[in-house]
Amino acid sequence: MLTPLEIHSKEFKKGFRGYTLAEVDDFLDQIVRDMEQLLRESEDLRNRLAEMELRLNHYRALEQTLQNTLVMAQATADEVKSAAHKEAELIIRETEARGKDMLDEARSQVACQERECEELRKQMLQFRTRNRAMLQAYLELLDEPDDLGATKIRP
């Protein structure tokens, strides 16, 4: 590719009835200016492209970081969920075990109180039986004829 300097320094041979030198020089000057502008624009576009590629790489790295963070967050959420589920199951098992122990203790206390109640019934029955027998004996004594009049008291 020609540079603006090569175009500017290009010499043409002059021939009879050749081109007008001033027109050729003016045209070459215009070409040099246009080419310099095109080269500046091209350089500017290359710089912008390089900058865009850097930004693109930055955004790709950022995207990868975000994806990794998302994966890590999902894994952490799964771990927390699993741990919470296990803890809930443990709490349920412990609560069921405590409930069973409390129920067993309550049943044991009920059985003990039933035995005590039965023992008290037996004691009450024995008490009634003894008192009935004793009252029956007293009633029989009261029904016996009075021998007090037959007994004489000696002076």
N, C-alpha and C. Protein backbone atom coordinates (compact mmCIF):
# COMPACT_ATOMS: atom_id res chain seq x y z
N MET A 1 0.85 -1.17 0.00
CA MET A 1 0.00 0.00 0.00
C MET A 1 0.90 1.24 0.00
N LEU A 2 0.51 2.19 -0.78
CA LEU A 2 1.27 3.44 -0.88
C LEU A 2 1.03 4.29 0.34
N THR A 3 2.08 4.99 0.71
CA THR A 3 1.94 5.93 1.82
C THR A 3 1.74 7.31 1.25
N PRO A 4 1.21 8.23 2.04
CA PRO A 4 1.05 9.60 1.55
C PRO A 4 2.39 10.21 1.14
N LEU A 5 3.46 9.86 1.83
CA LEU A 5 4.78 10.40 1.49
C LEU A 5 5.23 9.91 0.12
N GLU A 6 4.98 8.64 -0.19
CA GLU A 6 5.35 8.08 -1.50
C GLU A 6 4.56 8.76 -2.61
N ILE A 7 3.29 9.00 -2.34
CA ILE A 7 2.48 9.68 -3.35
C ILE A 7 2.98 11.10 -3.55
N HIS A 8 3.29 11.77 -2.47
CA HIS A 8 3.73 13.16 -2.54
C HIS A 8 5.08 13.29 -3.24
N SER A 9 5.96 12.34 -3.04
CA SER A 9 7.30 12.45 -3.61
C SER A 9 7.41 11.80 -4.99
N LYS A 10 6.35 11.28 -5.48
CA LYS A 10 6.36 10.65 -6.80
C LYS A 10 6.63 11.71 -7.87
N GLU A 11 7.56 11.42 -8.76
CA GLU A 11 7.92 12.32 -9.86
C GLU A 11 7.42 11.69 -11.16
N PHE A 12 6.84 12.47 -11.96
CA PHE A 12 6.37 12.00 -13.27
C PHE A 12 7.29 12.58 -14.35
N LYS A 13 7.51 11.82 -15.39
CA LYS A 13 8.31 12.31 -16.53
C LYS A 13 7.45 13.25 -17.33
N LYS A 14 8.10 14.23 -17.86
CA LYS A 14 7.36 15.23 -18.63
C LYS A 14 7.57 14.94 -20.11
N GLY A 15 6.52 14.93 -20.78
CA GLY A 15 6.60 14.69 -22.22
C GLY A 15 5.92 15.83 -22.95
N PHE A 16 6.07 15.77 -24.21
CA PHE A 16 5.46 16.78 -25.04
C PHE A 16 3.96 16.58 -24.98
N ARG A 17 3.32 17.66 -24.76
CA ARG A 17 1.88 17.69 -24.64
C ARG A 17 1.43 16.78 -23.51
N GLY A 18 2.16 16.69 -22.45
CA GLY A 18 1.80 15.90 -21.27
C GLY A 18 0.77 16.63 -20.43
N TYR A 19 0.57 16.09 -19.27
CA TYR A 19 -0.39 16.69 -18.34
C TYR A 19 0.13 18.00 -17.83
N THR A 20 -0.80 18.86 -17.41
CA THR A 20 -0.39 20.12 -16.82
C THR A 20 0.14 19.82 -15.44
N LEU A 21 1.34 20.28 -15.19
CA LEU A 21 2.04 19.98 -13.95
C LEU A 21 1.26 20.46 -12.73
N ALA A 22 0.67 21.62 -12.77
CA ALA A 22 -0.07 22.17 -11.63
C ALA A 22 -1.28 21.30 -11.31
N GLU A 23 -1.97 20.83 -12.35
CA GLU A 23 -3.15 19.98 -12.11
C GLU A 23 -2.74 18.66 -11.50
N VAL A 24 -1.65 18.09 -11.99
CA VAL A 24 -1.17 16.82 -11.43
C VAL A 24 -0.76 17.03 -9.98
N ASP A 25 -0.03 18.12 -9.69
CA ASP A 25 0.38 18.39 -8.31
C ASP A 25 -0.83 18.60 -7.40
N ASP A 26 -1.81 19.36 -7.88
CA ASP A 26 -3.02 19.58 -7.08
C ASP A 26 -3.75 18.26 -6.81
N PHE A 27 -3.83 17.44 -7.84
CA PHE A 27 -4.51 16.15 -7.68
C PHE A 27 -3.76 15.26 -6.70
N LEU A 28 -2.43 15.24 -6.84
CA LEU A 28 -1.63 14.43 -5.92
C LEU A 28 -1.75 14.95 -4.49
N ASP A 29 -1.77 16.27 -4.32
CA ASP A 29 -1.95 16.85 -2.98
C ASP A 29 -3.30 16.42 -2.39
N GLN A 30 -4.33 16.42 -3.23
CA GLN A 30 -5.65 15.98 -2.76
C GLN A 30 -5.63 14.51 -2.36
N ILE A 31 -4.96 13.70 -3.18
CA ILE A 31 -4.83 12.27 -2.86
C ILE A 31 -4.09 12.10 -1.55
N VAL A 32 -3.01 12.86 -1.34
CA VAL A 32 -2.22 12.77 -0.10
C VAL A 32 -3.11 13.11 1.08
N ARG A 33 -3.87 14.19 0.99
CA ARG A 33 -4.75 14.60 2.10
C ARG A 33 -5.79 13.51 2.38
N ASP A 34 -6.41 13.02 1.31
CA ASP A 34 -7.44 11.98 1.48
C ASP A 34 -6.84 10.72 2.09
N MET A 35 -5.65 10.37 1.59
CA MET A 35 -5.02 9.16 2.09
C MET A 35 -4.61 9.33 3.55
N GLU A 36 -4.09 10.50 3.91
CA GLU A 36 -3.73 10.75 5.32
C GLU A 36 -4.97 10.64 6.20
N GLN A 37 -6.07 11.21 5.73
CA GLN A 37 -7.31 11.13 6.49
C GLN A 37 -7.77 9.67 6.62
N LEU A 38 -7.70 8.94 5.52
CA LEU A 38 -8.10 7.52 5.56
C LEU A 38 -7.21 6.73 6.51
N LEU A 39 -5.91 7.02 6.48
CA LEU A 39 -4.99 6.32 7.38
C LEU A 39 -5.28 6.67 8.85
N ARG A 40 -5.58 7.96 9.11
CA ARG A 40 -5.94 8.35 10.48
C ARG A 40 -7.21 7.63 10.92
N GLU A 41 -8.21 7.62 10.03
CA GLU A 41 -9.47 6.94 10.35
C GLU A 41 -9.24 5.45 10.57
N SER A 42 -8.40 4.88 9.70
CA SER A 42 -8.09 3.46 9.84
C SER A 42 -7.40 3.19 11.18
N GLU A 43 -6.43 4.05 11.54
CA GLU A 43 -5.73 3.89 12.82
C GLU A 43 -6.71 4.06 13.98
N ASP A 44 -7.58 5.05 13.86
CA ASP A 44 -8.58 5.29 14.89
C ASP A 44 -9.50 4.08 15.04
N LEU A 45 -9.92 3.52 13.91
CA LEU A 45 -10.79 2.34 13.94
C LEU A 45 -10.06 1.14 14.55
N ARG A 46 -8.77 1.00 14.22
CA ARG A 46 -7.99 -0.09 14.82
C ARG A 46 -7.91 0.08 16.34
N ASN A 47 -7.66 1.33 16.77
CA ASN A 47 -7.60 1.60 18.22
C ASN A 47 -8.94 1.30 18.89
N ARG A 48 -10.01 1.75 18.24
CA ARG A 48 -11.34 1.48 18.80
C ARG A 48 -11.63 -0.01 18.84
N LEU A 49 -11.22 -0.72 17.78
CA LEU A 49 -11.41 -2.16 17.74
C LEU A 49 -10.64 -2.83 18.88
N ALA A 50 -9.38 -2.40 19.08
CA ALA A 50 -8.58 -2.97 20.16
C ALA A 50 -9.24 -2.68 21.51
N GLU A 51 -9.75 -1.46 21.68
CA GLU A 51 -10.43 -1.10 22.92
C GLU A 51 -11.69 -1.95 23.11
N MET A 52 -12.44 -2.12 22.03
CA MET A 52 -13.66 -2.93 22.10
C MET A 52 -13.33 -4.39 22.42
N GLU A 53 -12.23 -4.89 21.85
CA GLU A 53 -11.83 -6.26 22.15
C GLU A 53 -11.45 -6.40 23.62
N LEU A 54 -10.75 -5.38 24.15
CA LEU A 54 -10.42 -5.39 25.59
C LEU A 54 -11.68 -5.38 26.43
N ARG A 55 -12.62 -4.52 26.07
CA ARG A 55 -13.88 -4.45 26.81
C ARG A 55 -14.65 -5.76 26.70
N LEU A 56 -14.65 -6.31 25.48
CA LEU A 56 -15.34 -7.59 25.28
C LEU A 56 -14.72 -8.68 26.16
N ASN A 57 -13.39 -8.72 26.18
CA ASN A 57 -12.71 -9.70 27.04
C ASN A 57 -13.05 -9.46 28.51
N HIS A 58 -13.10 -8.17 28.89
CA HIS A 58 -13.48 -7.84 30.27
C HIS A 58 -14.89 -8.35 30.58
N TYR A 59 -15.82 -8.10 29.66
CA TYR A 59 -17.20 -8.53 29.88
C TYR A 59 -17.33 -10.06 29.85
N ARG A 60 -16.53 -10.69 29.02
CA ARG A 60 -16.54 -12.16 29.01
C ARG A 60 -16.04 -12.70 30.35
N ALA A 61 -14.96 -12.09 30.86
CA ALA A 61 -14.44 -12.50 32.16
C ALA A 61 -15.47 -12.23 33.25
N LEU A 62 -16.13 -11.08 33.16
CA LEU A 62 -17.17 -10.74 34.13
C LEU A 62 -18.32 -11.73 34.05
N GLU A 63 -18.71 -12.08 32.83
CA GLU A 63 -19.78 -13.06 32.64
C GLU A 63 -19.39 -14.40 33.25
N GLN A 64 -18.14 -14.82 33.03
CA GLN A 64 -17.67 -16.08 33.59
C GLN A 64 -17.69 -16.02 35.12
N THR A 65 -17.25 -14.88 35.66
CA THR A 65 -17.26 -14.70 37.12
C THR A 65 -18.69 -14.78 37.65
N LEU A 66 -19.61 -14.12 36.95
CA LEU A 66 -21.02 -14.16 37.37
C LEU A 66 -21.58 -15.58 37.28
N GLN A 67 -21.23 -16.29 36.22
CA GLN A 67 -21.70 -17.67 36.10
C GLN A 67 -21.14 -18.53 37.23
N ASN A 68 -19.84 -18.35 37.52
CA ASN A 68 -19.23 -19.10 38.62
C ASN A 68 -19.90 -18.75 39.94
N THR A 69 -20.17 -17.46 40.13
CA THR A 69 -20.84 -17.01 41.36
C THR A 69 -22.23 -17.61 41.45
N LEU A 70 -22.93 -17.63 40.33
CA LEU A 70 -24.28 -18.20 40.31
C LEU A 70 -24.24 -19.69 40.64
N VAL A 71 -23.29 -20.40 40.04
CA VAL A 71 -23.16 -21.83 40.32
C VAL A 71 -22.83 -22.04 41.79
N MET A 72 -21.91 -21.22 42.32
CA MET A 72 -21.53 -21.34 43.72
C MET A 72 -22.72 -21.01 44.63
N ALA A 73 -23.46 -19.97 44.27
CA ALA A 73 -24.64 -19.59 45.06
C ALA A 73 -25.68 -20.70 45.04
N GLN A 74 -25.88 -21.31 43.89
CA GLN A 74 -26.83 -22.42 43.79
C GLN A 74 -26.37 -23.59 44.64
N ALA A 75 -25.07 -23.89 44.57
CA ALA A 75 -24.53 -25.00 45.38
C ALA A 75 -24.69 -24.69 46.86
N THR A 76 -24.40 -23.45 47.24
CA THR A 76 -24.55 -23.05 48.64
C THR A 76 -26.01 -23.13 49.07
N ALA A 77 -26.90 -22.68 48.21
CA ALA A 77 -28.33 -22.76 48.52
C ALA A 77 -28.77 -24.21 48.68
N ASP A 78 -28.27 -25.07 47.81
CA ASP A 78 -28.60 -26.50 47.92
C ASP A 78 -28.07 -27.08 49.22
N GLU A 79 -26.84 -26.69 49.60
CA GLU A 79 -26.26 -27.18 50.85
C GLU A 79 -27.06 -26.69 52.05
N VAL A 80 -27.43 -25.41 52.03
CA VAL A 80 -28.22 -24.84 53.13
C VAL A 80 -29.57 -25.53 53.22
N LYS A 81 -30.18 -25.75 52.06
CA LYS A 81 -31.49 -26.42 52.03
C LYS A 81 -31.36 -27.85 52.57
N SER A 82 -30.33 -28.55 52.15
CA SER A 82 -30.11 -29.91 52.62
C SER A 82 -29.85 -29.93 54.12
N ALA A 83 -29.02 -29.00 54.59
CA ALA A 83 -28.72 -28.94 56.02
C ALA A 83 -29.98 -28.62 56.82
N ALA A 84 -30.79 -27.70 56.31
CA ALA A 84 -32.03 -27.34 57.00
C ALA A 84 -32.99 -28.54 57.03
N HIS A 85 -33.03 -29.27 55.93
CA HIS A 85 -33.90 -30.46 55.87
C HIS A 85 -33.43 -31.50 56.89
N LYS A 86 -32.12 -31.73 56.94
CA LYS A 86 -31.58 -32.70 57.90
C LYS A 86 -31.84 -32.24 59.33
N GLU A 87 -31.65 -30.94 59.59
CA GLU A 87 -31.89 -30.42 60.93
C GLU A 87 -33.36 -30.56 61.30
N ALA A 88 -34.25 -30.29 60.34
CA ALA A 88 -35.68 -30.43 60.59
C ALA A 88 -36.02 -31.89 60.91
N GLU A 89 -35.44 -32.82 60.15
CA GLU A 89 -35.69 -34.24 60.41
C GLU A 89 -35.18 -34.62 61.80
N LEU A 90 -34.01 -34.11 62.17
CA LEU A 90 -33.45 -34.39 63.49
C LEU A 90 -34.35 -33.84 64.59
N ILE A 91 -34.83 -32.61 64.40
CA ILE A 91 -35.73 -32.01 65.39
C ILE A 91 -37.01 -32.83 65.50
N ILE A 92 -37.53 -33.28 64.37
CA ILE A 92 -38.76 -34.09 64.39
C ILE A 92 -38.51 -35.40 65.13
N ARG A 93 -37.38 -36.06 64.83
CA ARG A 93 -37.08 -37.33 65.52
C ARG A 93 -36.91 -37.11 67.02
N GLU A 94 -36.19 -36.04 67.39
CA GLU A 94 -36.00 -35.75 68.82
C GLU A 94 -37.33 -35.45 69.49
N THR A 95 -38.17 -34.68 68.81
CA THR A 95 -39.47 -34.33 69.38
C THR A 95 -40.34 -35.57 69.52
N GLU A 96 -40.33 -36.43 68.49
CA GLU A 96 -41.09 -37.67 68.58
C GLU A 96 -40.58 -38.54 69.72
N ALA A 97 -39.25 -38.61 69.88
CA ALA A 97 -38.67 -39.42 70.96
C ALA A 97 -39.07 -38.85 72.31
N ARG A 98 -38.98 -37.51 72.45
CA ARG A 98 -39.39 -36.90 73.72
C ARG A 98 -40.87 -37.12 73.97
N GLY A 99 -41.68 -37.00 72.93
CA GLY A 99 -43.11 -37.24 73.08
C GLY A 99 -43.40 -38.67 73.50
N LYS A 100 -42.68 -39.62 72.89
CA LYS A 100 -42.85 -41.03 73.26
C LYS A 100 -42.43 -41.25 74.71
N ASP A 101 -41.30 -40.64 75.11
CA ASP A 101 -40.85 -40.77 76.49
C ASP A 101 -41.88 -40.18 77.46
N MET A 102 -42.42 -39.01 77.09
CA MET A 102 -43.42 -38.38 77.95
C MET A 102 -44.68 -39.25 78.03
N LEU A 103 -45.08 -39.82 76.90
CA LEU A 103 -46.25 -40.68 76.88
C LEU A 103 -46.01 -41.94 77.71
N ASP A 104 -44.82 -42.54 77.56
CA ASP A 104 -44.49 -43.71 78.37
C ASP A 104 -44.50 -43.37 79.85
N GLU A 105 -43.94 -42.22 80.20
CA GLU A 105 -43.91 -41.78 81.60
C GLU A 105 -45.33 -41.57 82.12
N ALA A 106 -46.18 -40.93 81.28
CA ALA A 106 -47.57 -40.69 81.69
C ALA A 106 -48.30 -42.02 81.87
N ARG A 107 -48.08 -42.96 80.95
CA ARG A 107 -48.72 -44.28 81.09
C ARG A 107 -48.24 -44.99 82.35
N SER A 108 -46.95 -44.86 82.62
CA SER A 108 -46.39 -45.48 83.83
C SER A 108 -47.02 -44.86 85.08
N GLN A 109 -47.16 -43.53 85.07
CA GLN A 109 -47.78 -42.86 86.22
C GLN A 109 -49.24 -43.28 86.37
N VAL A 110 -49.96 -43.39 85.25
CA VAL A 110 -51.36 -43.82 85.30
C VAL A 110 -51.45 -45.24 85.87
N ALA A 111 -50.56 -46.11 85.39
CA ALA A 111 -50.57 -47.49 85.90
C ALA A 111 -50.27 -47.51 87.39
N CYS A 112 -49.31 -46.70 87.82
CA CYS A 112 -48.96 -46.63 89.24
C CYS A 112 -50.14 -46.10 90.05
N GLN A 113 -50.80 -45.07 89.56
CA GLN A 113 -51.96 -44.52 90.26
C GLN A 113 -53.12 -45.52 90.28
N GLU A 114 -53.28 -46.27 89.19
CA GLU A 114 -54.32 -47.31 89.17
C GLU A 114 -54.02 -48.38 90.22
N ARG A 115 -52.74 -48.75 90.34
CA ARG A 115 -52.37 -49.74 91.38
C ARG A 115 -52.63 -49.17 92.77
N GLU A 116 -52.26 -47.91 92.98
CA GLU A 116 -52.51 -47.28 94.28
C GLU A 116 -54.00 -47.21 94.56
N CYS A 117 -54.78 -46.87 93.53
CA CYS A 117 -56.24 -46.79 93.68
C CYS A 117 -56.81 -48.16 94.03
N GLU A 118 -56.32 -49.19 93.36
CA GLU A 118 -56.77 -50.56 93.65
C GLU A 118 -56.40 -50.95 95.07
N GLU A 119 -55.20 -50.57 95.49
CA GLU A 119 -54.76 -50.87 96.86
C GLU A 119 -55.65 -50.15 97.87
N LEU A 120 -56.01 -48.89 97.57
CA LEU A 120 -56.91 -48.15 98.46
C LEU A 120 -58.30 -48.79 98.50
N ARG A 121 -58.79 -49.30 97.37
CA ARG A 121 -60.09 -50.00 97.35
C ARG A 121 -60.05 -51.24 98.24
N LYS A 122 -58.93 -51.97 98.10
CA LYS A 122 -58.79 -53.17 98.93
C LYS A 122 -58.75 -52.81 100.41
N GLN A 123 -58.01 -51.76 100.73
CA GLN A 123 -57.93 -51.33 102.13
C GLN A 123 -59.30 -50.87 102.63
N MET A 124 -60.04 -50.14 101.76
CA MET A 124 -61.37 -49.69 102.15
C MET A 124 -62.31 -50.88 102.34
N LEU A 125 -62.20 -51.87 101.47
CA LEU A 125 -63.03 -53.07 101.60
C LEU A 125 -62.69 -53.80 102.89
N GLN A 126 -61.40 -53.91 103.18
CA GLN A 126 -60.99 -54.56 104.43
C GLN A 126 -61.49 -53.76 105.63
N PHE A 127 -61.40 -52.43 105.54
CA PHE A 127 -61.87 -51.58 106.62
C PHE A 127 -63.37 -51.77 106.82
N ARG A 128 -64.12 -51.77 105.72
CA ARG A 128 -65.57 -51.98 105.82
C ARG A 128 -65.89 -53.35 106.42
N THR A 129 -65.16 -54.34 105.90
CA THR A 129 -65.42 -55.70 106.40
C THR A 129 -65.13 -55.77 107.89
N ARG A 130 -64.01 -55.25 108.34
CA ARG A 130 -63.68 -55.28 109.78
C ARG A 130 -64.68 -54.48 110.59
N ASN A 131 -65.00 -53.28 110.09
CA ASN A 131 -65.95 -52.45 110.84
C ASN A 131 -67.35 -53.07 110.86
N ARG A 132 -67.75 -53.68 109.74
CA ARG A 132 -69.05 -54.34 109.70
C ARG A 132 -69.08 -55.50 110.71
N ALA A 133 -67.98 -56.25 110.72
CA ALA A 133 -67.91 -57.38 111.67
C ALA A 133 -67.94 -56.86 113.09
N MET A 134 -67.19 -55.77 113.32
CA MET A 134 -67.16 -55.22 114.67
C MET A 134 -68.53 -54.66 115.04
N LEU A 135 -69.17 -53.94 114.12
CA LEU A 135 -70.50 -53.41 114.40
C LEU A 135 -71.52 -54.55 114.59
N GLN A 136 -71.36 -55.60 113.81
CA GLN A 136 -72.24 -56.75 113.95
C GLN A 136 -72.08 -57.36 115.34
N ALA A 137 -70.84 -57.43 115.78
CA ALA A 137 -70.58 -57.98 117.12
C ALA A 137 -71.19 -57.09 118.17
N TYR A 138 -71.07 -55.77 118.01
CA TYR A 138 -71.67 -54.86 118.98
C TYR A 138 -73.18 -54.97 118.96
N LEU A 139 -73.75 -55.11 117.76
CA LEU A 139 -75.20 -55.25 117.66
C LEU A 139 -75.67 -56.54 118.34
N GLU A 140 -74.91 -57.58 118.15
CA GLU A 140 -75.26 -58.84 118.80
C GLU A 140 -75.17 -58.69 120.30
N LEU A 141 -74.20 -57.97 120.76
CA LEU A 141 -74.07 -57.73 122.20
C LEU A 141 -75.26 -56.93 122.70
N LEU A 142 -75.68 -55.98 121.88
CA LEU A 142 -76.81 -55.16 122.30
C LEU A 142 -78.11 -55.97 122.26
N ASP A 143 -78.21 -56.93 121.40
CA ASP A 143 -79.41 -57.74 121.30
C ASP A 143 -79.47 -58.83 122.37
N GLU A 144 -78.41 -59.12 123.03
CA GLU A 144 -78.40 -60.15 124.08
C GLU A 144 -79.22 -59.65 125.26
N PRO A 145 -79.89 -60.58 125.97
CA PRO A 145 -80.68 -60.15 127.13
C PRO A 145 -79.78 -59.50 128.17
N ASP A 146 -80.39 -58.62 128.82
CA ASP A 146 -79.67 -57.85 129.80
C ASP A 146 -79.53 -58.65 131.08
N ASP A 147 -78.41 -59.04 131.42
CA ASP A 147 -78.14 -59.82 132.62
C ASP A 147 -77.75 -58.92 133.77
N LEU A 148 -77.85 -57.69 133.58
CA LEU A 148 -77.44 -56.78 134.64
C LEU A 148 -78.40 -56.87 135.83
N GLY A 149 -79.63 -57.09 135.57
CA GLY A 149 -80.61 -57.20 136.66
C GLY A 149 -80.42 -58.48 137.43
N ALA A 150 -79.94 -59.51 136.84
CA ALA A 150 -79.74 -60.77 137.51
C ALA A 150 -78.49 -60.75 138.35
N THR A 151 -77.68 -59.94 138.02
CA THR A 151 -76.45 -59.87 138.78
C THR A 151 -76.70 -58.98 139.98
N LYS A 152 -76.40 -59.49 141.06
CA LYS A 152 -76.62 -58.73 142.27
C LYS A 152 -75.31 -58.20 142.77
N ILE A 153 -75.49 -57.09 143.27
CA ILE A 153 -74.31 -56.46 143.81
C ILE A 153 -74.29 -56.73 145.30
N ARG A 154 -73.35 -57.18 145.87
CA ARG A 154 -73.23 -57.48 147.27
C ARG A 154 -72.67 -56.29 148.00
N PRO A 155 -73.28 -56.13 149.14
CA PRO A 155 -72.79 -55.00 149.91
C PRO A 155 -71.56 -55.30 150.68
